[in-house]
């Protein structure tokens, strides 16, 4: 447990950031799930709309360091690849 005032404040700040990051990470996962659901349903137009909504939030989380930039790139690449495969 934190003993000094500085350590107590740092613990409070870390908990606030953890909760904020968890909420934002959850929002990105939800956006990705919407794209995946549209892809599995075979609805290309809905998948494209969901992907266009998810892409900026994925990029923002990578920019803020909540998810790794390579993870963000991998998610975007795989989702777009699945969407392109729907028309074929």
Protein backbone atom coordinates (compact mmCIF):
# COMPACT_ATOMS: atom_id res chain seq x y z
CA UNK A 1 0.00 0.00 0.00
CA UNK A 2 1.13 3.54 -0.72
CA UNK A 3 2.61 5.37 2.24
CA UNK A 4 3.52 8.82 0.98
CA UNK A 5 1.07 11.39 -0.29
CA UNK A 6 2.75 11.29 -3.68
CA UNK A 7 2.37 7.51 -3.93
CA UNK A 8 -1.30 7.73 -2.90
CA UNK A 9 -1.97 10.33 -5.59
CA UNK A 10 -0.16 8.22 -8.19
CA UNK A 11 -2.31 5.22 -7.22
CA UNK A 12 -5.47 7.31 -7.65
CA UNK A 13 -4.30 8.58 -11.03
CA UNK A 14 -3.39 5.09 -12.21
CA UNK A 15 -6.84 3.76 -11.26
CA UNK A 16 -8.60 6.62 -13.08
CA UNK A 17 -6.53 6.00 -16.21
CA UNK A 18 -7.09 2.24 -16.01
CA UNK A 19 -10.85 2.70 -15.93
CA UNK A 20 -10.82 5.23 -18.77
CA UNK A 21 -8.63 2.98 -20.91
CA UNK A 22 -10.82 -0.06 -20.19
CA UNK A 23 -13.91 1.83 -21.34
CA UNK A 24 -12.28 3.01 -24.53
CA UNK A 25 -10.87 -0.46 -25.25
CA UNK A 26 -14.35 -1.90 -24.77
CA UNK A 27 -15.81 0.63 -27.21
CA UNK A 28 -13.26 -0.38 -29.86
CA UNK A 29 -14.04 -4.05 -29.33
CA UNK A 30 -17.75 -3.33 -29.72
CA UNK A 31 -17.09 -1.44 -32.97
CA UNK A 32 -15.03 -4.36 -34.29
CA UNK A 33 -17.79 -6.81 -33.32
CA UNK A 34 -20.33 -4.78 -35.31
CA UNK A 35 -18.16 -5.14 -38.41
CA UNK A 36 -17.66 -8.87 -37.81
CA UNK A 37 -21.41 -9.38 -37.31
CA UNK A 38 -22.16 -7.65 -40.61
CA UNK A 39 -19.50 -9.73 -42.36
CA UNK A 40 -20.85 -13.02 -41.02
CA UNK A 41 -24.35 -11.97 -42.07
CA UNK A 42 -22.98 -11.38 -45.58
CA UNK A 43 -24.18 -7.77 -45.70
CA UNK A 44 -21.39 -5.93 -47.50
CA UNK A 45 -22.94 -2.44 -47.34
CA UNK A 46 -23.59 -2.71 -43.59
CA UNK A 47 -20.08 -4.08 -43.08
CA UNK A 48 -18.58 -1.14 -44.96
CA UNK A 49 -20.60 1.37 -42.92
CA UNK A 50 -19.57 -0.32 -39.66
CA UNK A 51 -15.94 -0.46 -40.80
CA UNK A 52 -15.92 3.26 -41.63
CA UNK A 53 -17.23 3.95 -38.13
CA UNK A 54 -14.74 1.59 -36.45
CA UNK A 55 -11.62 2.69 -38.29
CA UNK A 56 -11.19 6.14 -36.67
CA UNK A 57 -11.75 4.75 -33.18
CA UNK A 58 -9.18 1.99 -33.77
CA UNK A 59 -6.69 4.62 -34.99
CA UNK A 60 -7.39 6.86 -32.00
CA UNK A 61 -6.76 4.05 -29.53
CA UNK A 62 -3.47 3.24 -31.26
CA UNK A 63 -2.47 6.91 -31.20
CA UNK A 64 -3.17 7.12 -27.47
CA UNK A 65 -1.24 3.92 -26.78
CA UNK A 66 -4.25 2.00 -25.46
CA UNK A 67 -3.69 -0.65 -28.11
CA UNK A 68 -0.47 -1.28 -30.00
CA UNK A 69 -0.19 0.34 -33.44
CA UNK A 70 0.54 -3.01 -35.07
CA UNK A 71 -2.54 -4.54 -33.42
CA UNK A 72 -4.65 -1.70 -34.81
CA UNK A 73 -3.17 -2.17 -38.27
CA UNK A 74 -3.80 -5.92 -38.10
CA UNK A 75 -7.44 -5.45 -37.10
CA UNK A 76 -8.08 -2.94 -39.89
CA UNK A 77 -6.31 -5.07 -42.47
CA UNK A 78 -8.16 -8.27 -41.62
CA UNK A 79 -11.55 -6.57 -41.45
CA UNK A 80 -11.08 -4.87 -44.82
CA UNK A 81 -9.83 -8.14 -46.31
CA UNK A 82 -13.00 -9.92 -45.16
CA UNK A 83 -15.18 -7.11 -46.53
CA UNK A 84 -13.44 -7.27 -49.92
CA UNK A 85 -13.97 -11.04 -49.99
CA UNK A 86 -17.76 -10.57 -49.62
CA UNK A 87 -18.15 -9.28 -53.18
CA UNK A 88 -16.14 -12.11 -54.76
